[in-house]
């Protein structure tokens, strides 16, 4: 089992003319294979800063991040191996895919860089990954602008899976998609998580989706985790005033995910 430990992490930014900004303050949690943890909070709460630290796009000011008990390498082959094991799905499928390259190129690149399969098998692996994210093979030679937002995010997920990671950081993966297609993408992520025993950190501002797609929820406010616990406990019996505020601002989760028969979807792993 793979375990990622975030231990007493703090991130400070020095803002010219304004002094120091404390974006993340003494945050600790663990993420393991087969587990989905939701990190919930409004914009500016520190969620995306945590995602950047986990993917080493940013470095923490204090604290440590460990993968299977070992500190994350800061450079070289060790960092590259870490990034192969811990992949990220970005919020914006319109910006995260290079408009000048085909879908084939986007998925092939990590396969070749990480030497996931022998060269003669790369093309078959590209098609297998497209099938896993429920995209028709016909999209392989198209460019991102020829696809819908939901299709682009599925390509981004396929690209993240290409390196065969053990942990996935999903930073607001459906917030920029049309409401009508969000549930399909989230169901896909839940299915992939179960099939591959992935650990998933699901970053969102939406408590309704957090409840249905997560085992555990952590609520962030002003850079701190103010509440955490089993998904149903946090949503149904919130203890912190900020969590109650978020809950009152969210749609009723059962109605939000009601199926055609009027019953709530049970897609949470």
C-alpha atoms as a PDB file:
ATOM      1  CA  UNK A   1       0.000   0.000   0.000  1.00  0.00           C
ATOM      2  CA  UNK A   2       1.255   3.465  -0.913  1.00  0.00           C
ATOM      3  CA  UNK A   3       0.887   6.232   1.661  1.00  0.00           C
ATOM      4  CA  UNK A   4       1.484   9.946   1.268  1.00  0.00           C
ATOM      5  CA  UNK A   5       1.942  11.837   4.539  1.00  0.00           C
ATOM      6  CA  UNK A   6       1.538  15.593   4.842  1.00  0.00           C
ATOM      7  CA  UNK A   7       3.041  16.483   8.232  1.00  0.00           C
ATOM      8  CA  UNK A   8       2.656  19.879   9.902  1.00  0.00           C
ATOM      9  CA  UNK A   9       3.055  21.671   6.588  1.00  0.00           C
ATOM     10  CA  UNK A  10       3.085  25.464   6.442  1.00  0.00           C
ATOM     11  CA  UNK A  11       3.437  27.609   3.340  1.00  0.00           C
ATOM     12  CA  UNK A  12       4.258  31.311   3.504  1.00  0.00           C
ATOM     13  CA  UNK A  13       4.466  33.700   0.589  1.00  0.00           C
ATOM     14  CA  UNK A  14       6.335  36.973   0.759  1.00  0.00           C
ATOM     15  CA  UNK A  15       4.243  39.615  -0.962  1.00  0.00           C
ATOM     16  CA  UNK A  16       6.065  42.761  -1.956  1.00  0.00           C
ATOM     17  CA  UNK A  17       4.623  45.739  -0.124  1.00  0.00           C
ATOM     18  CA  UNK A  18       2.260  43.585   1.945  1.00  0.00           C
ATOM     19  CA  UNK A  19       4.563  41.445   4.051  1.00  0.00           C
ATOM     20  CA  UNK A  20       3.921  37.749   4.585  1.00  0.00           C
ATOM     21  CA  UNK A  21       0.911  35.746   3.429  1.00  0.00           C
ATOM     22  CA  UNK A  22       0.220  32.523   5.342  1.00  0.00           C
ATOM     23  CA  UNK A  23      -1.450  30.303   2.727  1.00  0.00           C
ATOM     24  CA  UNK A  24      -1.281  26.980   4.620  1.00  0.00           C
ATOM     25  CA  UNK A  25      -0.844  26.753   8.383  1.00  0.00           C
ATOM     26  CA  UNK A  26       0.300  23.548  10.118  1.00  0.00           C
ATOM     27  CA  UNK A  27      -1.770  21.101   8.051  1.00  0.00           C
ATOM     28  CA  UNK A  28      -1.405  17.338   8.489  1.00  0.00           C
ATOM     29  CA  UNK A  29      -3.149  14.395   6.797  1.00  0.00           C
ATOM     30  CA  UNK A  30      -2.460  11.077   5.085  1.00  0.00           C
ATOM     31  CA  UNK A  31      -3.639   9.637   1.774  1.00  0.00           C
ATOM     32  CA  UNK A  32      -3.353   5.908   1.050  1.00  0.00           C
ATOM     33  CA  UNK A  33      -4.064   3.565  -1.846  1.00  0.00           C
ATOM     34  CA  UNK A  34      -7.763   2.837  -2.309  1.00  0.00           C
ATOM     35  CA  UNK A  35      -8.835   5.884  -0.294  1.00  0.00           C
ATOM     36  CA  UNK A  36     -10.580   9.047  -1.460  1.00  0.00           C
ATOM     37  CA  UNK A  37     -10.102  12.125   0.707  1.00  0.00           C
ATOM     38  CA  UNK A  38     -11.903  15.372  -0.106  1.00  0.00           C
ATOM     39  CA  UNK A  39     -10.300  18.711   0.674  1.00  0.00           C
ATOM     40  CA  UNK A  40     -13.128  21.247   0.784  1.00  0.00           C
ATOM     41  CA  UNK A  41     -13.090  25.024   1.040  1.00  0.00           C
ATOM     42  CA  UNK A  42     -13.791  28.225  -0.799  1.00  0.00           C
ATOM     43  CA  UNK A  43     -11.316  30.051  -3.032  1.00  0.00           C
ATOM     44  CA  UNK A  44      -8.315  31.266  -1.056  1.00  0.00           C
ATOM     45  CA  UNK A  45      -8.636  28.619   1.652  1.00  0.00           C
ATOM     46  CA  UNK A  46      -5.300  26.981   0.747  1.00  0.00           C
ATOM     47  CA  UNK A  47      -6.584  23.923  -1.154  1.00  0.00           C
ATOM     48  CA  UNK A  48      -4.695  24.514  -4.397  1.00  0.00           C
ATOM     49  CA  UNK A  49      -1.524  25.452  -2.522  1.00  0.00           C
ATOM     50  CA  UNK A  50      -1.607  22.002  -0.938  1.00  0.00           C
ATOM     51  CA  UNK A  51      -2.033  20.426  -4.395  1.00  0.00           C
ATOM     52  CA  UNK A  52       0.989  22.364  -5.678  1.00  0.00           C
ATOM     53  CA  UNK A  53       3.098  21.243  -2.724  1.00  0.00           C
ATOM     54  CA  UNK A  54       2.069  17.612  -3.218  1.00  0.00           C
ATOM     55  CA  UNK A  55       3.096  17.780  -6.875  1.00  0.00           C
ATOM     56  CA  UNK A  56       6.204  19.830  -5.995  1.00  0.00           C
ATOM     57  CA  UNK A  57       5.175  22.788  -8.111  1.00  0.00           C
ATOM     58  CA  UNK A  58       5.688  24.650  -4.815  1.00  0.00           C
ATOM     59  CA  UNK A  59       7.871  23.839  -1.799  1.00  0.00           C
ATOM     60  CA  UNK A  60       6.593  24.034   1.752  1.00  0.00           C
ATOM     61  CA  UNK A  61       8.071  26.605   4.148  1.00  0.00           C
ATOM     62  CA  UNK A  62       7.896  24.237   7.141  1.00  0.00           C
ATOM     63  CA  UNK A  63       6.916  20.631   7.750  1.00  0.00           C
ATOM     64  CA  UNK A  64       7.496  17.638   5.526  1.00  0.00           C
ATOM     65  CA  UNK A  65       5.847  15.536   2.839  1.00  0.00           C
ATOM     66  CA  UNK A  66       6.666  11.818   2.839  1.00  0.00           C
ATOM     67  CA  UNK A  67       5.898   9.054   0.352  1.00  0.00           C
ATOM     68  CA  UNK A  68       6.032   5.647   2.028  1.00  0.00           C
ATOM     69  CA  UNK A  69       8.008   7.219   4.854  1.00  0.00           C
ATOM     70  CA  UNK A  70      10.616   8.892   2.662  1.00  0.00           C
ATOM     71  CA  UNK A  71      10.910  12.656   2.011  1.00  0.00           C
ATOM     72  CA  UNK A  72      10.043  13.796  -1.499  1.00  0.00           C
ATOM     73  CA  UNK A  73      13.221  14.365  -3.546  1.00  0.00           C
ATOM     74  CA  UNK A  74      13.604  17.985  -4.632  1.00  0.00           C
ATOM     75  CA  UNK A  75      15.295  17.312  -7.966  1.00  0.00           C
ATOM     76  CA  UNK A  76      16.652  14.792 -10.437  1.00  0.00           C
ATOM     77  CA  UNK A  77      15.598  11.206 -11.072  1.00  0.00           C
ATOM     78  CA  UNK A  78      14.081  10.835  -7.595  1.00  0.00           C
ATOM     79  CA  UNK A  79      11.653  13.698  -8.156  1.00  0.00           C
ATOM     80  CA  UNK A  80      10.772  12.309 -11.573  1.00  0.00           C
ATOM     81  CA  UNK A  81       9.951   8.904 -10.055  1.00  0.00           C
ATOM     82  CA  UNK A  82       7.825  10.617  -7.410  1.00  0.00           C
ATOM     83  CA  UNK A  83       5.875  12.519 -10.065  1.00  0.00           C
ATOM     84  CA  UNK A  84       5.284   9.273 -11.901  1.00  0.00           C
ATOM     85  CA  UNK A  85       3.685   7.799  -8.769  1.00  0.00           C
ATOM     86  CA  UNK A  86       1.712  10.937  -7.827  1.00  0.00           C
ATOM     87  CA  UNK A  87      -0.091  12.586 -10.747  1.00  0.00           C
ATOM     88  CA  UNK A  88      -2.398  15.566 -10.993  1.00  0.00           C
ATOM     89  CA  UNK A  89      -5.574  16.341 -12.909  1.00  0.00           C
ATOM     90  CA  UNK A  90      -5.800  20.109 -13.265  1.00  0.00           C
ATOM     91  CA  UNK A  91      -8.881  22.247 -12.897  1.00  0.00           C
ATOM     92  CA  UNK A  92      -8.927  23.764 -16.388  1.00  0.00           C
ATOM     93  CA  UNK A  93      -9.135  21.250 -19.271  1.00  0.00           C
ATOM     94  CA  UNK A  94      -8.975  24.171 -21.706  1.00  0.00           C
ATOM     95  CA  UNK A  95      -5.568  25.355 -20.464  1.00  0.00           C
ATOM     96  CA  UNK A  96      -3.942  22.070 -19.402  1.00  0.00           C
ATOM     97  CA  UNK A  97      -3.839  20.613 -22.927  1.00  0.00           C
ATOM     98  CA  UNK A  98      -1.546  22.145 -25.556  1.00  0.00           C
ATOM     99  CA  UNK A  99      -3.785  23.317 -28.428  1.00  0.00           C
ATOM    100  CA  UNK A 100      -1.063  22.642 -31.011  1.00  0.00           C
ATOM    101  CA  UNK A 101      -0.755  18.922 -30.276  1.00  0.00           C
ATOM    102  CA  UNK A 102      -3.048  15.995 -30.976  1.00  0.00           C
ATOM    103  CA  UNK A 103      -4.708  13.881 -28.319  1.00  0.00           C
ATOM    104  CA  UNK A 104      -2.329  11.083 -29.302  1.00  0.00           C
ATOM    105  CA  UNK A 105       0.657  13.310 -28.472  1.00  0.00           C
ATOM    106  CA  UNK A 106      -0.719  14.276 -25.044  1.00  0.00           C
ATOM    107  CA  UNK A 107      -1.143  10.644 -23.982  1.00  0.00           C
ATOM    108  CA  UNK A 108       1.956   9.290 -25.716  1.00  0.00           C
ATOM    109  CA  UNK A 109       4.301  11.753 -24.051  1.00  0.00           C
ATOM    110  CA  UNK A 110       4.165  10.368 -20.485  1.00  0.00           C
ATOM    111  CA  UNK A 111       4.188   6.809 -21.856  1.00  0.00           C
ATOM    112  CA  UNK A 112       7.468   7.526 -23.641  1.00  0.00           C
ATOM    113  CA  UNK A 113       9.064   9.708 -20.956  1.00  0.00           C
ATOM    114  CA  UNK A 114       8.310   7.232 -18.173  1.00  0.00           C
ATOM    115  CA  UNK A 115       8.957   4.170 -20.373  1.00  0.00           C
ATOM    116  CA  UNK A 116       5.687   2.648 -19.220  1.00  0.00           C
ATOM    117  CA  UNK A 117       5.474   0.148 -22.096  1.00  0.00           C
ATOM    118  CA  UNK A 118       7.903  -0.931 -24.841  1.00  0.00           C
ATOM    119  CA  UNK A 119       7.913   1.401 -27.870  1.00  0.00           C
ATOM    120  CA  UNK A 120       6.042  -1.037 -30.154  1.00  0.00           C
ATOM    121  CA  UNK A 121       3.159  -1.107 -27.628  1.00  0.00           C
ATOM    122  CA  UNK A 122       2.748   2.651 -27.180  1.00  0.00           C
ATOM    123  CA  UNK A 123      -0.012   3.043 -29.756  1.00  0.00           C
ATOM    124  CA  UNK A 124      -2.033   0.169 -28.277  1.00  0.00           C
ATOM    125  CA  UNK A 125      -1.614   1.683 -24.817  1.00  0.00           C
ATOM    126  CA  UNK A 126      -2.891   5.062 -26.040  1.00  0.00           C
ATOM    127  CA  UNK A 127      -6.053   3.390 -27.336  1.00  0.00           C
ATOM    128  CA  UNK A 128      -6.444   1.373 -24.128  1.00  0.00           C
ATOM    129  CA  UNK A 129      -6.261   4.552 -22.057  1.00  0.00           C
ATOM    130  CA  UNK A 130      -8.853   6.273 -24.246  1.00  0.00           C
ATOM    131  CA  UNK A 131     -11.130   3.283 -23.747  1.00  0.00           C
ATOM    132  CA  UNK A 132     -10.603   3.466 -19.964  1.00  0.00           C
ATOM    133  CA  UNK A 133     -11.854   7.059 -19.897  1.00  0.00           C
ATOM    134  CA  UNK A 134     -14.745   6.168 -22.217  1.00  0.00           C
ATOM    135  CA  UNK A 135     -13.583   8.094 -25.279  1.00  0.00           C
ATOM    136  CA  UNK A 136     -13.934   6.862 -28.836  1.00  0.00           C
ATOM    137  CA  UNK A 137     -10.646   6.019 -30.546  1.00  0.00           C
ATOM    138  CA  UNK A 138     -11.609   8.459 -33.301  1.00  0.00           C
ATOM    139  CA  UNK A 139     -10.511  11.391 -31.107  1.00  0.00           C
ATOM    140  CA  UNK A 140      -6.880  10.255 -31.111  1.00  0.00           C
ATOM    141  CA  UNK A 141      -5.794  12.463 -34.001  1.00  0.00           C
ATOM    142  CA  UNK A 142      -7.925  15.459 -33.113  1.00  0.00           C
ATOM    143  CA  UNK A 143      -6.712  18.548 -31.292  1.00  0.00           C
ATOM    144  CA  UNK A 144      -8.153  19.779 -27.993  1.00  0.00           C
ATOM    145  CA  UNK A 145     -10.256  22.558 -29.546  1.00  0.00           C
ATOM    146  CA  UNK A 146     -12.165  19.906 -31.490  1.00  0.00           C
ATOM    147  CA  UNK A 147     -13.418  18.272 -28.279  1.00  0.00           C
ATOM    148  CA  UNK A 148     -15.991  19.312 -25.697  1.00  0.00           C
ATOM    149  CA  UNK A 149     -14.927  20.360 -22.205  1.00  0.00           C
ATOM    150  CA  UNK A 150     -15.922  16.994 -20.756  1.00  0.00           C
ATOM    151  CA  UNK A 151     -13.965  15.138 -23.441  1.00  0.00           C
ATOM    152  CA  UNK A 152     -10.900  17.288 -22.781  1.00  0.00           C
ATOM    153  CA  UNK A 153     -11.018  16.516 -19.080  1.00  0.00           C
ATOM    154  CA  UNK A 154     -11.262  12.806 -19.896  1.00  0.00           C
ATOM    155  CA  UNK A 155      -8.123  13.200 -22.039  1.00  0.00           C
ATOM    156  CA  UNK A 156      -6.430  14.928 -19.096  1.00  0.00           C
ATOM    157  CA  UNK A 157      -7.395  12.002 -16.855  1.00  0.00           C
ATOM    158  CA  UNK A 158      -6.070   9.513 -19.417  1.00  0.00           C
ATOM    159  CA  UNK A 159      -2.794  11.456 -19.551  1.00  0.00           C
ATOM    160  CA  UNK A 160      -2.531  11.340 -15.742  1.00  0.00           C
ATOM    161  CA  UNK A 161      -3.183   7.574 -15.753  1.00  0.00           C
ATOM    162  CA  UNK A 162      -0.620   6.932 -18.489  1.00  0.00           C
ATOM    163  CA  UNK A 163       2.250   6.836 -15.981  1.00  0.00           C
ATOM    164  CA  UNK A 164       0.338   4.257 -13.910  1.00  0.00           C
ATOM    165  CA  UNK A 165       0.334   6.350 -10.744  1.00  0.00           C
ATOM    166  CA  UNK A 166      -0.610   5.117  -7.310  1.00  0.00           C
ATOM    167  CA  UNK A 167      -2.044   8.442  -6.128  1.00  0.00           C
ATOM    168  CA  UNK A 168      -4.063  11.071  -7.997  1.00  0.00           C
ATOM    169  CA  UNK A 169      -4.508  14.718  -7.041  1.00  0.00           C
ATOM    170  CA  UNK A 170      -7.738  16.010  -8.623  1.00  0.00           C
ATOM    171  CA  UNK A 171      -7.859  19.795  -8.235  1.00  0.00           C
ATOM    172  CA  UNK A 172     -11.454  20.978  -8.843  1.00  0.00           C
ATOM    173  CA  UNK A 173     -11.647  18.574 -11.833  1.00  0.00           C
ATOM    174  CA  UNK A 174     -15.230  19.453 -12.831  1.00  0.00           C
ATOM    175  CA  UNK A 175     -15.642  23.063 -11.708  1.00  0.00           C
ATOM    176  CA  UNK A 176     -15.123  24.436 -15.226  1.00  0.00           C
ATOM    177  CA  UNK A 177     -17.395  21.922 -16.918  1.00  0.00           C
ATOM    178  CA  UNK A 178     -21.056  22.291 -17.766  1.00  0.00           C
ATOM    179  CA  UNK A 179     -23.277  21.143 -14.911  1.00  0.00           C
ATOM    180  CA  UNK A 180     -24.882  18.492 -17.122  1.00  0.00           C
ATOM    181  CA  UNK A 181     -21.612  16.595 -17.627  1.00  0.00           C
ATOM    182  CA  UNK A 182     -19.976  16.940 -14.208  1.00  0.00           C
ATOM    183  CA  UNK A 183     -21.532  13.807 -12.742  1.00  0.00           C
ATOM    184  CA  UNK A 184     -20.292  11.666 -15.650  1.00  0.00           C
ATOM    185  CA  UNK A 185     -16.689  12.766 -15.109  1.00  0.00           C
ATOM    186  CA  UNK A 186     -16.910  12.255 -11.344  1.00  0.00           C
ATOM    187  CA  UNK A 187     -18.422   8.793 -11.799  1.00  0.00           C
ATOM    188  CA  UNK A 188     -15.549   7.993 -14.154  1.00  0.00           C
ATOM    189  CA  UNK A 189     -13.002   9.065 -11.531  1.00  0.00           C
ATOM    190  CA  UNK A 190     -14.753   6.938  -8.906  1.00  0.00           C
ATOM    191  CA  UNK A 191     -14.730   3.890 -11.209  1.00  0.00           C
ATOM    192  CA  UNK A 192     -11.038   4.360 -12.049  1.00  0.00           C
ATOM    193  CA  UNK A 193     -10.194   4.747  -8.377  1.00  0.00           C
ATOM    194  CA  UNK A 194     -11.832   1.415  -7.568  1.00  0.00           C
ATOM    195  CA  UNK A 195     -10.394  -0.418 -10.592  1.00  0.00           C
ATOM    196  CA  UNK A 196      -6.798   0.664  -9.946  1.00  0.00           C
ATOM    197  CA  UNK A 197      -6.939   0.976  -6.134  1.00  0.00           C
ATOM    198  CA  UNK A 198      -5.859   4.597  -6.491  1.00  0.00           C
ATOM    199  CA  UNK A 199      -5.561   7.004  -3.622  1.00  0.00           C
ATOM    200  CA  UNK A 200      -7.406  10.173  -4.654  1.00  0.00           C
ATOM    201  CA  UNK A 201      -7.227  13.622  -3.101  1.00  0.00           C
ATOM    202  CA  UNK A 202     -10.369  15.315  -4.393  1.00  0.00           C
ATOM    203  CA  UNK A 203     -10.104  19.096  -4.054  1.00  0.00           C
ATOM    204  CA  UNK A 204     -13.389  20.951  -4.321  1.00  0.00           C
ATOM    205  CA  UNK A 205     -15.558  23.767  -2.975  1.00  0.00           C
ATOM    206  CA  UNK A 206     -18.671  21.570  -3.298  1.00  0.00           C
ATOM    207  CA  UNK A 207     -19.728  19.617  -0.211  1.00  0.00           C
ATOM    208  CA  UNK A 208     -22.392  17.731  -2.166  1.00  0.00           C
ATOM    209  CA  UNK A 209     -19.888  15.999  -4.446  1.00  0.00           C
ATOM    210  CA  UNK A 210     -17.409  15.595  -1.578  1.00  0.00           C
ATOM    211  CA  UNK A 211     -19.930  13.550   0.381  1.00  0.00           C
ATOM    212  CA  UNK A 212     -20.767  11.224  -2.485  1.00  0.00           C
ATOM    213  CA  UNK A 213     -17.246  10.649  -3.791  1.00  0.00           C
ATOM    214  CA  UNK A 214     -15.106  10.563  -0.652  1.00  0.00           C
ATOM    215  CA  UNK A 215     -14.435   8.398   2.364  1.00  0.00           C
ATOM    216  CA  UNK A 216     -13.172  11.306   4.442  1.00  0.00           C
ATOM    217  CA  UNK A 217     -13.635  15.080   4.261  1.00  0.00           C
ATOM    218  CA  UNK A 218     -11.312  17.815   5.486  1.00  0.00           C
ATOM    219  CA  UNK A 219     -12.681  21.358   5.559  1.00  0.00           C
ATOM    220  CA  UNK A 220     -10.194  24.199   5.072  1.00  0.00           C
ATOM    221  CA  UNK A 221     -10.643  27.821   6.068  1.00  0.00           C
ATOM    222  CA  UNK A 222      -7.943  30.522   5.914  1.00  0.00           C
ATOM    223  CA  UNK A 223      -5.191  27.940   5.434  1.00  0.00           C
ATOM    224  CA  UNK A 224      -6.195  25.664   8.295  1.00  0.00           C
ATOM    225  CA  UNK A 225      -8.151  22.411   8.538  1.00  0.00           C
ATOM    226  CA  UNK A 226     -11.083  23.357  10.774  1.00  0.00           C
ATOM    227  CA  UNK A 227     -12.969  20.049  10.591  1.00  0.00           C
ATOM    228  CA  UNK A 228     -12.350  16.506   9.424  1.00  0.00           C
ATOM    229  CA  UNK A 229     -14.001  13.137   9.614  1.00  0.00           C
ATOM    230  CA  UNK A 230     -15.997  10.496   7.770  1.00  0.00           C
ATOM    231  CA  UNK A 231     -17.871  12.054   4.839  1.00  0.00           C
ATOM    232  CA  UNK A 232     -21.377  11.458   6.210  1.00  0.00           C
ATOM    233  CA  UNK A 233     -20.427  12.719   9.678  1.00  0.00           C
ATOM    234  CA  UNK A 234     -18.986  15.996   8.397  1.00  0.00           C
ATOM    235  CA  UNK A 235     -21.943  16.689   6.111  1.00  0.00           C
ATOM    236  CA  UNK A 236     -24.801  15.497   8.306  1.00  0.00           C
ATOM    237  CA  UNK A 237     -23.369  16.591  11.677  1.00  0.00           C
ATOM    238  CA  UNK A 238     -21.034  19.522  10.997  1.00  0.00           C
ATOM    239  CA  UNK A 239     -19.321  20.859  14.117  1.00  0.00           C
ATOM    240  CA  UNK A 240     -17.530  23.978  12.904  1.00  0.00           C
ATOM    241  CA  UNK A 241     -19.484  27.147  11.995  1.00  0.00           C
ATOM    242  CA  UNK A 242     -17.638  27.407   8.672  1.00  0.00           C
ATOM    243  CA  UNK A 243     -18.634  23.856   7.714  1.00  0.00           C
ATOM    244  CA  UNK A 244     -22.247  24.663   8.563  1.00  0.00           C
ATOM    245  CA  UNK A 245     -21.965  27.784   6.402  1.00  0.00           C
ATOM    246  CA  UNK A 246     -20.633  25.758   3.472  1.00  0.00           C
ATOM    247  CA  UNK A 247     -23.356  23.169   3.944  1.00  0.00           C
ATOM    248  CA  UNK A 248     -26.120  25.756   3.911  1.00  0.00           C
ATOM    249  CA  UNK A 249     -24.706  27.244   0.698  1.00  0.00           C
ATOM    250  CA  UNK A 250     -24.547  23.853  -1.070  1.00  0.00           C
ATOM    251  CA  UNK A 251     -27.447  22.128  -2.815  1.00  0.00           C
ATOM    252  CA  UNK A 252     -29.094  19.263  -0.993  1.00  0.00           C
ATOM    253  CA  UNK A 253     -26.662  16.403  -1.834  1.00  0.00           C
ATOM    254  CA  UNK A 254     -29.397  13.780  -2.140  1.00  0.00           C
ATOM    255  CA  UNK A 255     -31.385  15.928  -4.562  1.00  0.00           C
ATOM    256  CA  UNK A 256     -28.180  16.978  -6.321  1.00  0.00           C
ATOM    257  CA  UNK A 257     -27.416  13.362  -7.228  1.00  0.00           C
ATOM    258  CA  UNK A 258     -30.938  12.004  -7.554  1.00  0.00           C
ATOM    259  CA  UNK A 259     -31.311   9.549 -10.396  1.00  0.00           C
ATOM    260  CA  UNK A 260     -34.258   9.108 -12.717  1.00  0.00           C
ATOM    261  CA  UNK A 261     -36.090   7.106 -10.103  1.00  0.00           C
ATOM    262  CA  UNK A 262     -35.657   9.917  -7.580  1.00  0.00           C
ATOM    263  CA  UNK A 263     -33.150   7.997  -5.468  1.00  0.00           C
ATOM    264  CA  UNK A 264     -29.712   9.374  -4.700  1.00  0.00           C
ATOM    265  CA  UNK A 265     -26.797   7.905  -6.586  1.00  0.00           C
ATOM    266  CA  UNK A 266     -24.511   5.712  -4.497  1.00  0.00           C
ATOM    267  CA  UNK A 267     -21.222   6.159  -6.286  1.00  0.00           C
ATOM    268  CA  UNK A 268     -19.074   6.851  -3.246  1.00  0.00           C
ATOM    269  CA  UNK A 269     -16.359   4.253  -2.767  1.00  0.00           C
END
